[in-house]
Amino acid sequence: MEVKIGIQNVGREIVLESAQDADAVAKVVAEAIAKGSELRLNDEKGRQVIIPANVLGYVEIGAEEVRRVGFGAL
């Protein structure tokens, strides 16, 4: 699933593909904001993104989508 993270006073957003489901990502974000600690997310390639929770502007969690294969009718 695609996760977009906006950071205060930064023009570009961070975009990553996460293997976690939407509820798990939302829980991690909520805990980081509540504790005032850093937000740590892993992407599908094994990279880790660490962002201080006090600079988060927004977190957009994309809908889970089944990947389609082939050239069938849409």
PDB file of N, CA and C in Angstrom:
ATOM      1  N   MET A   1       0.841  -1.162   0.000  1.00  0.00           N
ATOM      2  CA  MET A   1       0.000   0.000   0.000  1.00  0.00           C
ATOM      3  C   MET A   1       0.887   1.225   0.000  1.00  0.00           C
ATOM      4  N   GLU A   2       0.406   2.278  -0.647  1.00  0.00           N
ATOM      5  CA  GLU A   2       1.167   3.510  -0.746  1.00  0.00           C
ATOM      6  C   GLU A   2       0.906   4.402   0.466  1.00  0.00           C
ATOM      7  N   VAL A   3       1.976   4.943   1.038  1.00  0.00           N
ATOM      8  CA  VAL A   3       1.888   5.856   2.168  1.00  0.00           C
ATOM      9  C   VAL A   3       2.607   7.149   1.770  1.00  0.00           C
ATOM     10  N   LYS A   4       1.907   8.279   1.876  1.00  0.00           N
ATOM     11  CA  LYS A   4       2.502   9.585   1.584  1.00  0.00           C
ATOM     12  C   LYS A   4       2.607  10.362   2.889  1.00  0.00           C
ATOM     13  N   ILE A   5       3.780  10.934   3.124  1.00  0.00           N
ATOM     14  CA  ILE A   5       4.021  11.662   4.363  1.00  0.00           C
ATOM     15  C   ILE A   5       4.448  13.082   4.017  1.00  0.00           C
ATOM     16  N   GLY A   6       3.696  14.048   4.512  1.00  0.00           N
ATOM     17  CA  GLY A   6       4.044  15.449   4.339  1.00  0.00           C
ATOM     18  C   GLY A   6       4.738  15.963   5.581  1.00  0.00           C
ATOM     19  N   ILE A   7       5.795  16.733   5.375  1.00  0.00           N
ATOM     20  CA  ILE A   7       6.574  17.270   6.478  1.00  0.00           C
ATOM     21  C   ILE A   7       6.449  18.786   6.475  1.00  0.00           C
ATOM     22  N   GLN A   8       6.291  19.377   7.645  1.00  0.00           N
ATOM     23  CA  GLN A   8       6.137  20.828   7.773  1.00  0.00           C
ATOM     24  C   GLN A   8       7.337  21.548   7.162  1.00  0.00           C
ATOM     25  N   ASN A   9       7.060  22.626   6.439  1.00  0.00           N
ATOM     26  CA  ASN A   9       8.081  23.490   5.834  1.00  0.00           C
ATOM     27  C   ASN A   9       8.962  22.786   4.810  1.00  0.00           C
ATOM     28  N   VAL A  10       8.483  21.678   4.237  1.00  0.00           N
ATOM     29  CA  VAL A  10       9.209  20.971   3.179  1.00  0.00           C
ATOM     30  C   VAL A  10       8.252  20.809   2.006  1.00  0.00           C
ATOM     31  N   GLY A  11       8.700  21.181   0.819  1.00  0.00           N
ATOM     32  CA  GLY A  11       7.836  21.173  -0.348  1.00  0.00           C
ATOM     33  C   GLY A  11       7.541  19.790  -0.907  1.00  0.00           C
ATOM     34  N   ARG A  12       8.410  18.840  -0.678  1.00  0.00           N
ATOM     35  CA  ARG A  12       8.214  17.496  -1.226  1.00  0.00           C
ATOM     36  C   ARG A  12       7.696  16.555  -0.144  1.00  0.00           C
ATOM     37  N   GLU A  13       6.924  15.580  -0.584  1.00  0.00           N
ATOM     38  CA  GLU A  13       6.424  14.580   0.359  1.00  0.00           C
ATOM     39  C   GLU A  13       7.232  13.296   0.205  1.00  0.00           C
ATOM     40  N   ILE A  14       7.228  12.487   1.234  1.00  0.00           N
ATOM     41  CA  ILE A  14       7.877  11.182   1.205  1.00  0.00           C
ATOM     42  C   ILE A  14       6.829  10.161   0.804  1.00  0.00           C
ATOM     43  N   VAL A  15       7.133   9.357  -0.202  1.00  0.00           N
ATOM     44  CA  VAL A  15       6.209   8.330  -0.678  1.00  0.00           C
ATOM     45  C   VAL A  15       6.902   6.984  -0.559  1.00  0.00           C
ATOM     46  N   LEU A  16       6.219   6.029   0.066  1.00  0.00           N
ATOM     47  CA  LEU A  16       6.781   4.687   0.173  1.00  0.00           C
ATOM     48  C   LEU A  16       5.685   3.646   0.046  1.00  0.00           C
ATOM     49  N   GLU A  17       6.094   2.462  -0.381  1.00  0.00           N
ATOM     50  CA  GLU A  17       5.186   1.324  -0.477  1.00  0.00           C
ATOM     51  C   GLU A  17       5.410   0.453   0.748  1.00  0.00           C
ATOM     52  N   SER A  18       4.373   0.260   1.538  1.00  0.00           N
ATOM     53  CA  SER A  18       4.481  -0.516   2.767  1.00  0.00           C
ATOM     54  C   SER A  18       3.756  -1.843   2.622  1.00  0.00           C
ATOM     55  N   ALA A  19       4.309  -2.883   3.229  1.00  0.00           N
ATOM     56  CA  ALA A  19       3.667  -4.189   3.234  1.00  0.00           C
ATOM     57  C   ALA A  19       2.625  -4.299   4.341  1.00  0.00           C
ATOM     58  N   GLN A  20       2.605  -3.331   5.269  1.00  0.00           N
ATOM     59  CA  GLN A  20       1.650  -3.347   6.368  1.00  0.00           C
ATOM     60  C   GLN A  20       0.267  -2.946   5.858  1.00  0.00           C
ATOM     61  N   ASP A  21      -0.766  -3.349   6.581  1.00  0.00           N
ATOM     62  CA  ASP A  21      -2.119  -2.937   6.203  1.00  0.00           C
ATOM     63  C   ASP A  21      -2.403  -1.534   6.747  1.00  0.00           C
ATOM     64  N   ALA A  22      -3.504  -0.949   6.307  1.00  0.00           N
ATOM     65  CA  ALA A  22      -3.841   0.437   6.647  1.00  0.00           C
ATOM     66  C   ALA A  22      -4.000   0.639   8.149  1.00  0.00           C
ATOM     67  N   ASP A  23      -4.620  -0.304   8.826  1.00  0.00           N
ATOM     68  CA  ASP A  23      -4.824  -0.173  10.272  1.00  0.00           C
ATOM     69  C   ASP A  23      -3.497  -0.177  11.035  1.00  0.00           C
ATOM     70  N   ALA A  24      -2.563  -1.009  10.611  1.00  0.00           N
ATOM     71  CA  ALA A  24      -1.264  -1.080  11.283  1.00  0.00           C
ATOM     72  C   ALA A  24      -0.485   0.219  11.100  1.00  0.00           C
ATOM     73  N   VAL A  25      -0.517   0.781   9.893  1.00  0.00           N
ATOM     74  CA  VAL A  25       0.179   2.051   9.642  1.00  0.00           C
ATOM     75  C   VAL A  25      -0.461   3.172  10.452  1.00  0.00           C
ATOM     76  N   ALA A  26      -1.792   3.226  10.472  1.00  0.00           N
ATOM     77  CA  ALA A  26      -2.491   4.261  11.234  1.00  0.00           C
ATOM     78  C   ALA A  26      -2.167   4.153  12.724  1.00  0.00           C
ATOM     79  N   LYS A  27      -2.052   2.948  13.243  1.00  0.00           N
ATOM     80  CA  LYS A  27      -1.731   2.745  14.654  1.00  0.00           C
ATOM     81  C   LYS A  27      -0.322   3.244  14.972  1.00  0.00           C
ATOM     82  N   VAL A  28       0.640   2.948  14.095  1.00  0.00           N
ATOM     83  CA  VAL A  28       2.023   3.387  14.307  1.00  0.00           C
ATOM     84  C   VAL A  28       2.097   4.911  14.275  1.00  0.00           C
ATOM     85  N   VAL A  29       1.383   5.533  13.339  1.00  0.00           N
ATOM     86  CA  VAL A  29       1.371   6.998  13.232  1.00  0.00           C
ATOM     87  C   VAL A  29       0.748   7.621  14.484  1.00  0.00           C
ATOM     88  N   ALA A  30      -0.375   7.081  14.927  1.00  0.00           N
ATOM     89  CA  ALA A  30      -1.058   7.622  16.105  1.00  0.00           C
ATOM     90  C   ALA A  30      -0.189   7.497  17.357  1.00  0.00           C
ATOM     91  N   GLU A  31       0.492   6.378  17.506  1.00  0.00           N
ATOM     92  CA  GLU A  31       1.363   6.192  18.670  1.00  0.00           C
ATOM     93  C   GLU A  31       2.534   7.171  18.648  1.00  0.00           C
ATOM     94  N   ALA A  32       3.118   7.390  17.472  1.00  0.00           N
ATOM     95  CA  ALA A  32       4.251   8.322  17.366  1.00  0.00           C
ATOM     96  C   ALA A  32       3.820   9.739  17.713  1.00  0.00           C
ATOM     97  N   ILE A  33       2.645  10.147  17.248  1.00  0.00           N
ATOM     98  CA  ILE A  33       2.154  11.496  17.541  1.00  0.00           C
ATOM     99  C   ILE A  33       1.824  11.634  19.027  1.00  0.00           C
ATOM    100  N   ALA A  34       1.178  10.617  19.600  1.00  0.00           N
ATOM    101  CA  ALA A  34       0.794  10.681  21.009  1.00  0.00           C
ATOM    102  C   ALA A  34       2.008  10.734  21.934  1.00  0.00           C
ATOM    103  N   LYS A  35       3.041   9.976  21.609  1.00  0.00           N
ATOM    104  CA  LYS A  35       4.239   9.930  22.453  1.00  0.00           C
ATOM    105  C   LYS A  35       5.216  11.061  22.147  1.00  0.00           C
ATOM    106  N   GLY A  36       5.074  11.687  20.981  1.00  0.00           N
ATOM    107  CA  GLY A  36       6.017  12.727  20.585  1.00  0.00           C
ATOM    108  C   GLY A  36       7.364  12.163  20.162  1.00  0.00           C
ATOM    109  N   SER A  37       7.382  10.896  19.806  1.00  0.00           N
ATOM    110  CA  SER A  37       8.626  10.250  19.387  1.00  0.00           C
ATOM    111  C   SER A  37       8.731  10.287  17.864  1.00  0.00           C
ATOM    112  N   GLU A  38       9.596   9.457  17.314  1.00  0.00           N
ATOM    113  CA  GLU A  38       9.736   9.428  15.870  1.00  0.00           C
ATOM    114  C   GLU A  38       8.794   8.402  15.240  1.00  0.00           C
ATOM    115  N   LEU A  39       8.442   8.662  13.984  1.00  0.00           N
ATOM    116  CA  LEU A  39       7.637   7.732  13.198  1.00  0.00           C
ATOM    117  C   LEU A  39       8.596   6.859  12.414  1.00  0.00           C
ATOM    118  N   ARG A  40       8.489   5.539  12.591  1.00  0.00           N
ATOM    119  CA  ARG A  40       9.354   4.589  11.886  1.00  0.00           C
ATOM    120  C   ARG A  40       8.493   3.681  11.038  1.00  0.00           C
ATOM    121  N   LEU A  41       8.753   3.703   9.727  1.00  0.00           N
ATOM    122  CA  LEU A  41       8.041   2.834   8.800  1.00  0.00           C
ATOM    123  C   LEU A  41       9.045   2.110   7.913  1.00  0.00           C
ATOM    124  N   ASN A  42       8.748   0.865   7.573  1.00  0.00           N
ATOM    125  CA  ASN A  42       9.576   0.085   6.655  1.00  0.00           C
ATOM    126  C   ASN A  42       8.858  -0.034   5.327  1.00  0.00           C
ATOM    127  N   ASP A  43       9.611   0.086   4.225  1.00  0.00           N
ATOM    128  CA  ASP A  43       8.983  -0.093   2.920  1.00  0.00           C
ATOM    129  C   ASP A  43       9.182  -1.530   2.440  1.00  0.00           C
ATOM    130  N   GLU A  44       8.646  -1.836   1.269  1.00  0.00           N
ATOM    131  CA  GLU A  44       8.684  -3.202   0.752  1.00  0.00           C
ATOM    132  C   GLU A  44      10.089  -3.652   0.393  1.00  0.00           C
ATOM    133  N   LYS A  45      11.008  -2.722   0.185  1.00  0.00           N
ATOM    134  CA  LYS A  45      12.377  -3.068  -0.178  1.00  0.00           C
ATOM    135  C   LYS A  45      13.281  -3.210   1.040  1.00  0.00           C
ATOM    136  N   GLY A  46      12.725  -3.058   2.236  1.00  0.00           N
ATOM    137  CA  GLY A  46      13.488  -3.223   3.456  1.00  0.00           C
ATOM    138  C   GLY A  46      14.105  -1.951   4.005  1.00  0.00           C
ATOM    139  N   ARG A  47      13.882  -0.822   3.332  1.00  0.00           N
ATOM    140  CA  ARG A  47      14.412   0.445   3.837  1.00  0.00           C
ATOM    141  C   ARG A  47      13.544   0.940   4.980  1.00  0.00           C
ATOM    142  N   GLN A  48      14.166   1.673   5.903  1.00  0.00           N
ATOM    143  CA  GLN A  48      13.434   2.222   7.042  1.00  0.00           C
ATOM    144  C   GLN A  48      13.436   3.742   6.950  1.00  0.00           C
ATOM    145  N   VAL A  49      12.249   4.330   7.137  1.00  0.00           N
ATOM    146  CA  VAL A  49      12.084   5.779   7.124  1.00  0.00           C
ATOM    147  C   VAL A  49      11.798   6.211   8.551  1.00  0.00           C
ATOM    148  N   ILE A  50      12.575   7.191   9.053  1.00  0.00           N
ATOM    149  CA  ILE A  50      12.405   7.694  10.409  1.00  0.00           C
ATOM    150  C   ILE A  50      12.165   9.191  10.326  1.00  0.00           C
ATOM    151  N   ILE A  51      11.036   9.641  10.886  1.00  0.00           N
ATOM    152  CA  ILE A  51      10.662  11.048  10.848  1.00  0.00           C
ATOM    153  C   ILE A  51      10.248  11.471  12.256  1.00  0.00           C
ATOM    154  N   PRO A  52      10.770  12.588  12.759  1.00  0.00           N
ATOM    155  CA  PRO A  52      10.311  13.080  14.065  1.00  0.00           C
ATOM    156  C   PRO A  52       8.815  13.419  14.003  1.00  0.00           C
ATOM    157  N   ALA A  53       8.061  12.954  14.973  1.00  0.00           N
ATOM    158  CA  ALA A  53       6.604  13.138  14.947  1.00  0.00           C
ATOM    159  C   ALA A  53       6.197  14.603  15.050  1.00  0.00           C
ATOM    160  N   ASN A  54       7.034  15.443  15.652  1.00  0.00           N
ATOM    161  CA  ASN A  54       6.650  16.844  15.825  1.00  0.00           C
ATOM    162  C   ASN A  54       6.744  17.670  14.541  1.00  0.00           C
ATOM    163  N   VAL A  55       7.295  17.096  13.449  1.00  0.00           N
ATOM    164  CA  VAL A  55       7.356  17.824  12.175  1.00  0.00           C
ATOM    165  C   VAL A  55       6.397  17.257  11.128  1.00  0.00           C
ATOM    166  N   LEU A  56       5.579  16.281  11.511  1.00  0.00           N
ATOM    167  CA  LEU A  56       4.628  15.697  10.565  1.00  0.00           C
ATOM    168  C   LEU A  56       3.565  16.723  10.177  1.00  0.00           C
ATOM    169  N   GLY A  57       3.337  16.849   8.879  1.00  0.00           N
ATOM    170  CA  GLY A  57       2.257  17.703   8.401  1.00  0.00           C
ATOM    171  C   GLY A  57       1.001  16.879   8.186  1.00  0.00           C
ATOM    172  N   TYR A  58       1.173  15.734   7.495  1.00  0.00           N
ATOM    173  CA  TYR A  58       0.058  14.818   7.254  1.00  0.00           C
ATOM    174  C   TYR A  58       0.606  13.457   6.862  1.00  0.00           C
ATOM    175  N   VAL A  59      -0.217  12.438   7.008  1.00  0.00           N
ATOM    176  CA  VAL A  59       0.093  11.090   6.538  1.00  0.00           C
ATOM    177  C   VAL A  59      -1.128  10.601   5.774  1.00  0.00           C
ATOM    178  N   GLU A  60      -0.931  10.291   4.501  1.00  0.00           N
ATOM    179  CA  GLU A  60      -2.014   9.794   3.650  1.00  0.00           C
ATOM    180  C   GLU A  60      -1.772   8.314   3.405  1.00  0.00           C
ATOM    181  N   ILE A  61      -2.736   7.513   3.818  1.00  0.00           N
ATOM    182  CA  ILE A  61      -2.618   6.065   3.682  1.00  0.00           C
ATOM    183  C   ILE A  61      -3.510   5.638   2.534  1.00  0.00           C
ATOM    184  N   GLY A  62      -2.903   5.068   1.483  1.00  0.00           N
ATOM    185  CA  GLY A  62      -3.648   4.650   0.303  1.00  0.00           C
ATOM    186  C   GLY A  62      -4.474   3.408   0.578  1.00  0.00           C
ATOM    187  N   ALA A  63      -5.480   3.228  -0.249  1.00  0.00           N
ATOM    188  CA  ALA A  63      -6.336   2.049  -0.125  1.00  0.00           C
ATOM    189  C   ALA A  63      -5.573   0.807  -0.571  1.00  0.00           C
ATOM    190  N   GLU A  64      -5.846  -0.289   0.094  1.00  0.00           N
ATOM    191  CA  GLU A  64      -5.219  -1.542  -0.302  1.00  0.00           C
ATOM    192  C   GLU A  64      -5.840  -1.981  -1.612  1.00  0.00           C
ATOM    193  N   GLU A  65      -4.985  -2.333  -2.549  1.00  0.00           N
ATOM    194  CA  GLU A  65      -5.459  -2.675  -3.879  1.00  0.00           C
ATOM    195  C   GLU A  65      -4.820  -3.978  -4.322  1.00  0.00           C
ATOM    196  N   VAL A  66      -5.627  -4.844  -4.909  1.00  0.00           N
ATOM    197  CA  VAL A  66      -5.118  -6.092  -5.433  1.00  0.00           C
ATOM    198  C   VAL A  66      -4.456  -5.786  -6.769  1.00  0.00           C
ATOM    199  N   ARG A  67      -3.226  -6.252  -6.935  1.00  0.00           N
ATOM    200  CA  ARG A  67      -2.520  -6.005  -8.195  1.00  0.00           C
ATOM    201  C   ARG A  67      -3.049  -6.931  -9.270  1.00  0.00           C
ATOM    202  N   ARG A  68      -3.338  -6.345 -10.411  1.00  0.00           N
ATOM    203  CA  ARG A  68      -3.888  -7.128 -11.525  1.00  0.00           C
ATOM    204  C   ARG A  68      -2.769  -7.484 -12.494  1.00  0.00           C
ATOM    205  N   VAL A  69      -2.895  -8.650 -13.069  1.00  0.00           N
ATOM    206  CA  VAL A  69      -1.904  -9.132 -14.020  1.00  0.00           C
ATOM    207  C   VAL A  69      -2.633  -9.492 -15.304  1.00  0.00           C
ATOM    208  N   GLY A  70      -2.057  -9.119 -16.422  1.00  0.00           N
ATOM    209  CA  GLY A  70      -2.650  -9.492 -17.699  1.00  0.00           C
ATOM    210  C   GLY A  70      -3.267  -8.312 -18.411  1.00  0.00           C
ATOM    211  N   PHE A  71      -3.879  -8.630 -19.544  1.00  0.00           N
ATOM    212  CA  PHE A  71      -4.454  -7.591 -20.388  1.00  0.00           C
ATOM    213  C   PHE A  71      -5.955  -7.788 -20.572  1.00  0.00           C
ATOM    214  N   GLY A  72      -6.610  -8.307 -19.581  1.00  0.00           N
ATOM    215  CA  GLY A  72      -8.053  -8.560 -19.651  1.00  0.00           C
ATOM    216  C   GLY A  72      -8.852  -7.257 -19.697  1.00  0.00           C
ATOM    217  N   ALA A  73     -10.147  -7.391 -19.909  1.00  0.00           N
ATOM    218  CA  ALA A  73     -11.032  -6.242 -19.976  1.00  0.00           C
ATOM    219  C   ALA A  73     -11.075  -5.537 -18.615  1.00  0.00           C
ATOM    220  N   LEU A  74     -11.097  -4.232 -18.657  1.00  0.00           N
ATOM    221  CA  LEU A  74     -11.124  -3.455 -17.414  1.00  0.00           C
ATOM    222  C   LEU A  74     -12.521  -3.198 -17.032  1.00  0.00           C
TER     223      LEU A  74
END
